[in-house]
Amino acid sequence: MRKTAIVLGAIAAVAVAAPASANEARVEARGGIAWANGEEEAVAGVAAGYDFDLGAGEDSSLFFGVEGSADKLLVDGADVVWGTTARLGAKVGTGGKIYATGGYTFGEGEDTPHLGAGYEQTVGDSGLYLKAEYRHFFSDFVDVNTAVVGVGVAF
């Protein structure tokens, strides 16, 4: 957790904020890996959310977002887990967003809070974006980490 905070702080310190889209709805598909206690499994999911500009005018570089998601470990017998997540971040470079994320995941007998960080980059003017995100889930039984990449459309 401390390393994540240091990395996010360093990136935010050197990033140059520029206008990027916000006040927008988004949908995405994502996939990656989940790991805990030396075991790794593939994970896939979908999410829908909305980002809001914080501040006034075109010069606002901060944003706040909310999302709902459904994710599944790609193993027999694993249930879909549902999540609600908020994110707070800054628009960086041309069409980039760096953010911290936190929320709650519901499913498989345990409801679990999570924290993480990510980066999202628009591709062209079509609303298409690519993203990478890390999350740490604080379970009562075993803490789980995920790293995913995704593709989405903002509109």
N, C-alpha and C. Protein backbone atom coordinates (compact mmCIF):
# COMPACT_ATOMS: atom_id res chain seq x y z
N MET A 1 0.83 -1.18 0.00
CA MET A 1 0.00 0.00 0.00
C MET A 1 0.88 1.25 0.00
N ARG A 2 1.92 1.24 0.80
CA ARG A 2 2.81 2.40 0.88
C ARG A 2 3.51 2.63 -0.45
N LYS A 3 3.95 1.53 -1.10
CA LYS A 3 4.60 1.65 -2.41
C LYS A 3 3.64 2.25 -3.43
N THR A 4 2.38 1.83 -3.40
CA THR A 4 1.38 2.37 -4.33
C THR A 4 1.22 3.86 -4.12
N ALA A 5 1.14 4.31 -2.87
CA ALA A 5 0.99 5.73 -2.58
C ALA A 5 2.20 6.52 -3.06
N ILE A 6 3.39 5.98 -2.89
CA ILE A 6 4.61 6.66 -3.33
C ILE A 6 4.63 6.77 -4.85
N VAL A 7 4.30 5.69 -5.54
CA VAL A 7 4.28 5.71 -7.01
C VAL A 7 3.25 6.72 -7.51
N LEU A 8 2.04 6.70 -6.94
CA LEU A 8 1.01 7.65 -7.37
C LEU A 8 1.44 9.08 -7.11
N GLY A 9 2.05 9.33 -5.98
CA GLY A 9 2.54 10.68 -5.67
C GLY A 9 3.60 11.14 -6.65
N ALA A 10 4.52 10.24 -6.99
CA ALA A 10 5.58 10.59 -7.94
C ALA A 10 5.02 10.88 -9.32
N ILE A 11 4.09 10.05 -9.77
CA ILE A 11 3.49 10.27 -11.08
C ILE A 11 2.72 11.59 -11.10
N ALA A 12 1.94 11.84 -10.05
CA ALA A 12 1.17 13.08 -9.99
C ALA A 12 2.08 14.30 -9.96
N ALA A 13 3.23 14.18 -9.31
CA ALA A 13 4.15 15.31 -9.20
C ALA A 13 4.77 15.69 -10.53
N VAL A 14 5.00 14.71 -11.42
CA VAL A 14 5.65 15.01 -12.69
C VAL A 14 4.67 15.14 -13.85
N ALA A 15 3.42 14.77 -13.64
CA ALA A 15 2.44 14.83 -14.73
C ALA A 15 2.01 16.27 -14.98
N VAL A 16 1.79 16.58 -16.22
CA VAL A 16 1.30 17.90 -16.59
C VAL A 16 -0.17 17.74 -16.96
N ALA A 17 -1.02 18.40 -16.21
CA ALA A 17 -2.45 18.26 -16.45
C ALA A 17 -2.85 19.00 -17.72
N ALA A 18 -3.73 18.36 -18.49
CA ALA A 18 -4.27 18.97 -19.71
C ALA A 18 -5.73 18.54 -19.83
N PRO A 19 -6.51 19.27 -20.60
CA PRO A 19 -7.91 18.89 -20.70
C PRO A 19 -8.08 17.46 -21.22
N ALA A 20 -8.94 16.71 -20.58
CA ALA A 20 -9.35 15.38 -21.02
C ALA A 20 -10.84 15.29 -20.75
N SER A 21 -11.49 14.37 -21.37
CA SER A 21 -12.94 14.29 -21.24
C SER A 21 -13.33 13.89 -19.83
N ALA A 22 -14.33 14.55 -19.31
CA ALA A 22 -14.97 14.16 -18.06
C ALA A 22 -16.43 14.57 -18.19
N ASN A 23 -17.20 14.47 -17.11
CA ASN A 23 -18.64 14.62 -17.21
C ASN A 23 -19.14 13.71 -18.33
N GLU A 24 -18.79 12.44 -18.21
CA GLU A 24 -19.10 11.48 -19.26
C GLU A 24 -19.44 10.12 -18.68
N ALA A 25 -20.33 9.42 -19.36
CA ALA A 25 -20.63 8.03 -19.03
C ALA A 25 -19.60 7.15 -19.73
N ARG A 26 -19.41 5.93 -19.19
CA ARG A 26 -18.45 5.01 -19.80
C ARG A 26 -18.88 3.57 -19.54
N VAL A 27 -18.52 2.69 -20.47
CA VAL A 27 -18.70 1.25 -20.31
C VAL A 27 -17.40 0.58 -20.75
N GLU A 28 -17.07 -0.55 -20.12
CA GLU A 28 -15.80 -1.20 -20.45
C GLU A 28 -15.86 -2.70 -20.20
N ALA A 29 -14.94 -3.39 -20.85
CA ALA A 29 -14.66 -4.80 -20.60
C ALA A 29 -13.21 -4.88 -20.15
N ARG A 30 -12.91 -5.81 -19.23
CA ARG A 30 -11.55 -5.89 -18.70
C ARG A 30 -11.19 -7.33 -18.40
N GLY A 31 -9.90 -7.58 -18.35
CA GLY A 31 -9.41 -8.91 -18.02
C GLY A 31 -8.01 -8.82 -17.46
N GLY A 32 -7.63 -9.81 -16.69
CA GLY A 32 -6.30 -9.79 -16.10
C GLY A 32 -6.07 -10.98 -15.20
N ILE A 33 -5.41 -10.70 -14.09
CA ILE A 33 -4.99 -11.77 -13.19
C ILE A 33 -5.32 -11.39 -11.75
N ALA A 34 -5.70 -12.38 -10.96
CA ALA A 34 -5.91 -12.23 -9.52
C ALA A 34 -4.94 -13.17 -8.82
N TRP A 35 -4.33 -12.71 -7.72
CA TRP A 35 -3.40 -13.57 -7.01
C TRP A 35 -3.51 -13.39 -5.50
N ALA A 36 -3.26 -14.51 -4.80
CA ALA A 36 -3.28 -14.55 -3.33
C ALA A 36 -2.63 -15.85 -2.88
N ASN A 37 -1.84 -15.79 -1.83
CA ASN A 37 -1.22 -16.98 -1.23
C ASN A 37 -0.50 -17.85 -2.25
N GLY A 38 0.19 -17.25 -3.19
CA GLY A 38 0.96 -18.00 -4.17
C GLY A 38 0.16 -18.60 -5.30
N GLU A 39 -1.14 -18.36 -5.35
CA GLU A 39 -1.98 -18.88 -6.43
C GLU A 39 -2.42 -17.73 -7.33
N GLU A 40 -2.53 -18.02 -8.63
CA GLU A 40 -2.95 -17.03 -9.61
C GLU A 40 -4.09 -17.59 -10.45
N GLU A 41 -5.04 -16.74 -10.79
CA GLU A 41 -6.16 -17.13 -11.65
C GLU A 41 -6.49 -15.97 -12.58
N ALA A 42 -6.99 -16.28 -13.76
CA ALA A 42 -7.45 -15.26 -14.69
C ALA A 42 -8.78 -14.69 -14.20
N VAL A 43 -9.02 -13.43 -14.49
CA VAL A 43 -10.25 -12.75 -14.11
C VAL A 43 -10.74 -11.92 -15.30
N ALA A 44 -12.06 -11.82 -15.47
CA ALA A 44 -12.64 -11.00 -16.53
C ALA A 44 -13.87 -10.30 -15.97
N GLY A 45 -14.21 -9.15 -16.55
CA GLY A 45 -15.37 -8.44 -16.06
C GLY A 45 -15.81 -7.31 -16.97
N VAL A 46 -16.88 -6.67 -16.54
CA VAL A 46 -17.44 -5.50 -17.22
C VAL A 46 -17.77 -4.45 -16.17
N ALA A 47 -17.81 -3.19 -16.61
CA ALA A 47 -18.16 -2.10 -15.70
C ALA A 47 -18.84 -0.99 -16.47
N ALA A 48 -19.64 -0.21 -15.76
CA ALA A 48 -20.25 1.00 -16.31
C ALA A 48 -20.13 2.08 -15.24
N GLY A 49 -19.83 3.30 -15.67
CA GLY A 49 -19.65 4.37 -14.70
C GLY A 49 -19.86 5.74 -15.28
N TYR A 50 -19.62 6.74 -14.44
CA TYR A 50 -19.75 8.14 -14.85
C TYR A 50 -18.69 8.94 -14.13
N ASP A 51 -18.01 9.82 -14.88
CA ASP A 51 -17.00 10.71 -14.31
C ASP A 51 -17.51 12.14 -14.32
N PHE A 52 -17.22 12.88 -13.24
CA PHE A 52 -17.63 14.27 -13.07
C PHE A 52 -16.39 15.14 -12.95
N ASP A 53 -16.36 16.27 -13.67
CA ASP A 53 -15.30 17.25 -13.48
C ASP A 53 -15.44 17.87 -12.10
N LEU A 54 -14.32 18.11 -11.43
CA LEU A 54 -14.30 18.87 -10.18
C LEU A 54 -13.68 20.21 -10.50
N GLY A 55 -14.33 21.26 -10.15
CA GLY A 55 -13.82 22.59 -10.49
C GLY A 55 -14.58 23.15 -11.67
N ALA A 56 -14.21 24.36 -12.04
CA ALA A 56 -14.96 25.07 -13.08
C ALA A 56 -14.15 25.20 -14.36
N GLY A 57 -14.83 25.16 -15.46
CA GLY A 57 -14.23 25.48 -16.74
C GLY A 57 -13.35 24.40 -17.33
N GLU A 58 -12.79 24.74 -18.48
CA GLU A 58 -11.92 23.84 -19.23
C GLU A 58 -10.62 23.54 -18.49
N ASP A 59 -10.22 24.40 -17.56
CA ASP A 59 -8.94 24.23 -16.88
C ASP A 59 -9.01 23.24 -15.72
N SER A 60 -10.19 22.72 -15.42
CA SER A 60 -10.32 21.76 -14.32
C SER A 60 -9.59 20.47 -14.66
N SER A 61 -8.64 20.09 -13.82
CA SER A 61 -7.88 18.88 -14.10
C SER A 61 -8.27 17.72 -13.19
N LEU A 62 -9.10 17.95 -12.17
CA LEU A 62 -9.49 16.89 -11.26
C LEU A 62 -10.85 16.33 -11.64
N PHE A 63 -11.06 15.04 -11.34
CA PHE A 63 -12.36 14.43 -11.61
C PHE A 63 -12.69 13.42 -10.51
N PHE A 64 -13.98 13.12 -10.39
CA PHE A 64 -14.50 12.12 -9.47
C PHE A 64 -15.40 11.21 -10.28
N GLY A 65 -15.31 9.90 -10.06
CA GLY A 65 -16.14 8.97 -10.82
C GLY A 65 -16.75 7.90 -9.93
N VAL A 66 -17.84 7.32 -10.41
CA VAL A 66 -18.50 6.19 -9.75
C VAL A 66 -18.69 5.09 -10.78
N GLU A 67 -18.72 3.83 -10.32
CA GLU A 67 -18.93 2.73 -11.25
C GLU A 67 -19.56 1.54 -10.56
N GLY A 68 -20.27 0.76 -11.34
CA GLY A 68 -20.78 -0.54 -10.93
C GLY A 68 -20.11 -1.58 -11.81
N SER A 69 -19.81 -2.75 -11.23
CA SER A 69 -19.06 -3.75 -12.00
C SER A 69 -19.51 -5.16 -11.68
N ALA A 70 -19.16 -6.06 -12.59
CA ALA A 70 -19.36 -7.50 -12.41
C ALA A 70 -18.08 -8.18 -12.89
N ASP A 71 -17.45 -8.98 -12.03
CA ASP A 71 -16.19 -9.65 -12.36
C ASP A 71 -16.28 -11.11 -11.96
N LYS A 72 -15.49 -11.95 -12.64
CA LYS A 72 -15.51 -13.39 -12.35
C LYS A 72 -14.13 -13.98 -12.53
N LEU A 73 -13.72 -14.78 -11.54
CA LEU A 73 -12.53 -15.61 -11.73
C LEU A 73 -12.87 -16.65 -12.78
N LEU A 74 -11.97 -16.90 -13.69
CA LEU A 74 -12.25 -17.83 -14.79
C LEU A 74 -11.87 -19.26 -14.40
N VAL A 75 -12.54 -19.76 -13.36
CA VAL A 75 -12.38 -21.14 -12.88
C VAL A 75 -13.76 -21.72 -12.63
N ASP A 76 -13.88 -23.04 -12.76
CA ASP A 76 -15.15 -23.70 -12.51
C ASP A 76 -15.62 -23.43 -11.08
N GLY A 77 -16.89 -23.12 -10.94
CA GLY A 77 -17.48 -22.94 -9.63
C GLY A 77 -17.38 -21.54 -9.06
N ALA A 78 -16.63 -20.65 -9.69
CA ALA A 78 -16.51 -19.28 -9.18
C ALA A 78 -17.76 -18.49 -9.55
N ASP A 79 -18.27 -17.73 -8.59
CA ASP A 79 -19.44 -16.90 -8.83
C ASP A 79 -19.02 -15.52 -9.33
N VAL A 80 -19.95 -14.83 -9.96
CA VAL A 80 -19.73 -13.43 -10.33
C VAL A 80 -19.75 -12.61 -9.04
N VAL A 81 -18.82 -11.67 -8.92
CA VAL A 81 -18.83 -10.73 -7.80
C VAL A 81 -19.22 -9.36 -8.34
N TRP A 82 -20.01 -8.66 -7.57
CA TRP A 82 -20.53 -7.35 -7.95
C TRP A 82 -19.79 -6.29 -7.15
N GLY A 83 -19.52 -5.15 -7.76
CA GLY A 83 -18.78 -4.11 -7.07
C GLY A 83 -19.36 -2.73 -7.27
N THR A 84 -19.17 -1.89 -6.27
CA THR A 84 -19.44 -0.46 -6.38
C THR A 84 -18.13 0.24 -6.03
N THR A 85 -17.73 1.16 -6.87
CA THR A 85 -16.41 1.77 -6.73
C THR A 85 -16.49 3.26 -7.03
N ALA A 86 -15.69 4.03 -6.31
CA ALA A 86 -15.51 5.45 -6.60
C ALA A 86 -14.05 5.65 -6.99
N ARG A 87 -13.81 6.68 -7.79
CA ARG A 87 -12.43 6.99 -8.14
C ARG A 87 -12.25 8.50 -8.15
N LEU A 88 -11.05 8.92 -7.77
CA LEU A 88 -10.69 10.33 -7.71
C LEU A 88 -9.35 10.47 -8.39
N GLY A 89 -9.25 11.40 -9.34
CA GLY A 89 -8.00 11.49 -10.07
C GLY A 89 -7.80 12.81 -10.76
N ALA A 90 -6.78 12.81 -11.61
CA ALA A 90 -6.40 14.00 -12.36
C ALA A 90 -6.25 13.64 -13.83
N LYS A 91 -6.62 14.58 -14.68
CA LYS A 91 -6.40 14.44 -16.11
C LYS A 91 -4.96 14.83 -16.39
N VAL A 92 -4.24 13.98 -17.11
CA VAL A 92 -2.82 14.20 -17.37
C VAL A 92 -2.53 14.04 -18.86
N GLY A 93 -1.56 14.80 -19.32
CA GLY A 93 -1.18 14.68 -20.72
C GLY A 93 -2.35 14.95 -21.64
N THR A 94 -2.34 14.34 -22.79
CA THR A 94 -3.42 14.47 -23.77
C THR A 94 -4.32 13.25 -23.67
N GLY A 95 -5.48 13.42 -23.03
CA GLY A 95 -6.46 12.35 -22.94
C GLY A 95 -6.18 11.31 -21.88
N GLY A 96 -5.27 11.57 -20.95
CA GLY A 96 -4.97 10.60 -19.91
C GLY A 96 -5.65 10.93 -18.59
N LYS A 97 -5.90 9.91 -17.80
CA LYS A 97 -6.45 10.07 -16.45
C LYS A 97 -5.70 9.12 -15.52
N ILE A 98 -5.20 9.66 -14.42
CA ILE A 98 -4.59 8.83 -13.38
C ILE A 98 -5.48 8.96 -12.16
N TYR A 99 -5.69 7.85 -11.44
CA TYR A 99 -6.67 7.91 -10.36
C TYR A 99 -6.39 6.89 -9.26
N ALA A 100 -6.94 7.19 -8.09
CA ALA A 100 -7.01 6.26 -6.97
C ALA A 100 -8.45 5.77 -6.92
N THR A 101 -8.64 4.54 -6.50
CA THR A 101 -9.97 3.96 -6.50
C THR A 101 -10.24 3.23 -5.19
N GLY A 102 -11.48 3.20 -4.79
CA GLY A 102 -11.86 2.48 -3.58
C GLY A 102 -13.34 2.13 -3.62
N GLY A 103 -13.69 1.03 -2.99
CA GLY A 103 -15.09 0.64 -3.01
C GLY A 103 -15.34 -0.64 -2.25
N TYR A 104 -16.39 -1.33 -2.66
CA TYR A 104 -16.82 -2.53 -1.97
C TYR A 104 -17.25 -3.57 -3.00
N THR A 105 -16.89 -4.82 -2.76
CA THR A 105 -17.24 -5.93 -3.64
C THR A 105 -18.13 -6.90 -2.87
N PHE A 106 -19.17 -7.40 -3.53
CA PHE A 106 -20.16 -8.27 -2.90
C PHE A 106 -20.20 -9.61 -3.62
N GLY A 107 -20.06 -10.71 -2.86
CA GLY A 107 -20.23 -12.01 -3.50
C GLY A 107 -19.43 -13.11 -2.86
N GLU A 108 -19.74 -14.34 -3.25
CA GLU A 108 -19.06 -15.56 -2.81
C GLU A 108 -18.94 -15.66 -1.30
N GLY A 109 -19.98 -15.24 -0.58
CA GLY A 109 -20.00 -15.42 0.86
C GLY A 109 -19.29 -14.36 1.67
N GLU A 110 -18.59 -13.44 1.02
CA GLU A 110 -17.90 -12.39 1.76
C GLU A 110 -17.97 -11.08 1.00
N ASP A 111 -18.30 -10.01 1.71
CA ASP A 111 -18.28 -8.67 1.15
C ASP A 111 -16.96 -8.03 1.56
N THR A 112 -16.26 -7.42 0.61
CA THR A 112 -14.87 -7.03 0.82
C THR A 112 -14.60 -5.61 0.33
N PRO A 113 -14.00 -4.76 1.17
CA PRO A 113 -13.57 -3.45 0.68
C PRO A 113 -12.32 -3.59 -0.19
N HIS A 114 -12.13 -2.63 -1.10
CA HIS A 114 -10.94 -2.65 -1.95
C HIS A 114 -10.43 -1.23 -2.19
N LEU A 115 -9.12 -1.14 -2.41
CA LEU A 115 -8.44 0.11 -2.79
C LEU A 115 -7.52 -0.19 -3.96
N GLY A 116 -7.25 0.82 -4.77
CA GLY A 116 -6.35 0.59 -5.89
C GLY A 116 -5.98 1.87 -6.60
N ALA A 117 -5.40 1.70 -7.78
CA ALA A 117 -4.97 2.82 -8.60
C ALA A 117 -4.99 2.40 -10.06
N GLY A 118 -5.12 3.39 -10.95
CA GLY A 118 -5.16 3.06 -12.36
C GLY A 118 -4.80 4.22 -13.25
N TYR A 119 -4.70 3.89 -14.53
CA TYR A 119 -4.44 4.89 -15.57
C TYR A 119 -5.33 4.56 -16.76
N GLU A 120 -5.94 5.59 -17.33
CA GLU A 120 -6.82 5.44 -18.49
C GLU A 120 -6.35 6.40 -19.58
N GLN A 121 -6.33 5.94 -20.82
CA GLN A 121 -5.85 6.77 -21.94
C GLN A 121 -6.84 6.70 -23.10
N THR A 122 -7.33 7.87 -23.54
CA THR A 122 -8.21 7.88 -24.71
C THR A 122 -7.39 7.59 -25.96
N VAL A 123 -8.08 6.99 -26.95
CA VAL A 123 -7.45 6.65 -28.23
C VAL A 123 -8.24 7.38 -29.31
N GLY A 124 -7.67 8.41 -29.90
CA GLY A 124 -8.36 9.16 -30.94
C GLY A 124 -9.52 9.96 -30.39
N ASP A 125 -10.45 10.32 -31.28
CA ASP A 125 -11.59 11.15 -30.90
C ASP A 125 -12.90 10.37 -30.81
N SER A 126 -12.84 9.06 -30.87
CA SER A 126 -14.05 8.24 -30.93
C SER A 126 -14.66 7.95 -29.57
N GLY A 127 -13.98 8.30 -28.49
CA GLY A 127 -14.44 7.94 -27.15
C GLY A 127 -13.83 6.64 -26.66
N LEU A 128 -13.11 5.93 -27.51
CA LEU A 128 -12.46 4.68 -27.13
C LEU A 128 -11.33 4.97 -26.14
N TYR A 129 -11.20 4.13 -25.11
CA TYR A 129 -10.08 4.27 -24.18
C TYR A 129 -9.52 2.91 -23.79
N LEU A 130 -8.26 2.93 -23.38
CA LEU A 130 -7.58 1.77 -22.82
C LEU A 130 -7.24 2.09 -21.38
N LYS A 131 -7.18 1.07 -20.53
CA LYS A 131 -6.85 1.33 -19.13
C LYS A 131 -6.07 0.18 -18.53
N ALA A 132 -5.38 0.48 -17.45
CA ALA A 132 -4.71 -0.52 -16.62
C ALA A 132 -5.02 -0.16 -15.18
N GLU A 133 -5.31 -1.18 -14.35
CA GLU A 133 -5.72 -0.90 -12.98
C GLU A 133 -5.26 -2.02 -12.04
N TYR A 134 -4.86 -1.62 -10.84
CA TYR A 134 -4.50 -2.54 -9.76
C TYR A 134 -5.50 -2.34 -8.63
N ARG A 135 -5.92 -3.44 -7.99
CA ARG A 135 -6.77 -3.36 -6.80
C ARG A 135 -6.29 -4.36 -5.75
N HIS A 136 -6.42 -3.95 -4.49
CA HIS A 136 -6.13 -4.83 -3.36
C HIS A 136 -7.43 -4.99 -2.58
N PHE A 137 -7.85 -6.24 -2.36
CA PHE A 137 -9.08 -6.56 -1.65
C PHE A 137 -8.74 -6.99 -0.23
N PHE A 138 -9.36 -6.33 0.76
CA PHE A 138 -9.07 -6.57 2.17
C PHE A 138 -10.06 -7.57 2.75
N SER A 139 -9.77 -8.85 2.58
CA SER A 139 -10.64 -9.93 3.02
C SER A 139 -10.36 -10.30 4.47
N ASP A 140 -11.36 -10.85 5.14
CA ASP A 140 -11.16 -11.39 6.48
C ASP A 140 -10.36 -12.69 6.45
N PHE A 141 -10.34 -13.36 5.29
CA PHE A 141 -9.70 -14.65 5.19
C PHE A 141 -8.33 -14.56 4.51
N VAL A 142 -8.29 -14.03 3.30
CA VAL A 142 -7.03 -13.90 2.57
C VAL A 142 -7.13 -12.66 1.68
N ASP A 143 -6.16 -11.77 1.78
CA ASP A 143 -6.14 -10.59 0.92
C ASP A 143 -5.84 -11.00 -0.51
N VAL A 144 -6.54 -10.38 -1.45
CA VAL A 144 -6.40 -10.70 -2.87
C VAL A 144 -5.98 -9.45 -3.63
N ASN A 145 -5.14 -9.63 -4.64
CA ASN A 145 -4.71 -8.55 -5.52
C ASN A 145 -5.18 -8.86 -6.93
N THR A 146 -5.52 -7.81 -7.69
CA THR A 146 -5.83 -7.98 -9.10
C THR A 146 -5.11 -6.92 -9.92
N ALA A 147 -4.73 -7.29 -11.11
CA ALA A 147 -4.19 -6.36 -12.10
C ALA A 147 -4.93 -6.66 -13.39
N VAL A 148 -5.58 -5.63 -13.95
CA VAL A 148 -6.37 -5.83 -15.16
C VAL A 148 -6.04 -4.76 -16.19
N VAL A 149 -6.29 -5.09 -17.44
CA VAL A 149 -6.28 -4.12 -18.53
C VAL A 149 -7.68 -4.14 -19.13
N GLY A 150 -8.08 -3.01 -19.68
CA GLY A 150 -9.43 -2.94 -20.21
C GLY A 150 -9.52 -2.06 -21.43
N VAL A 151 -10.64 -2.20 -22.11
CA VAL A 151 -10.97 -1.34 -23.24
C VAL A 151 -12.41 -0.89 -23.04
N GLY A 152 -12.66 0.40 -23.31
CA GLY A 152 -13.99 0.93 -23.08
C GLY A 152 -14.33 2.05 -24.03
N VAL A 153 -15.56 2.53 -23.88
CA VAL A 153 -16.04 3.66 -24.66
C VAL A 153 -16.67 4.66 -23.70
N ALA A 154 -16.26 5.92 -23.83
CA ALA A 154 -16.86 7.01 -23.07
C ALA A 154 -17.77 7.80 -24.01
N PHE A 155 -18.91 8.23 -23.47
CA PHE A 155 -19.84 8.99 -24.32
C PHE A 155 -20.58 10.03 -23.52
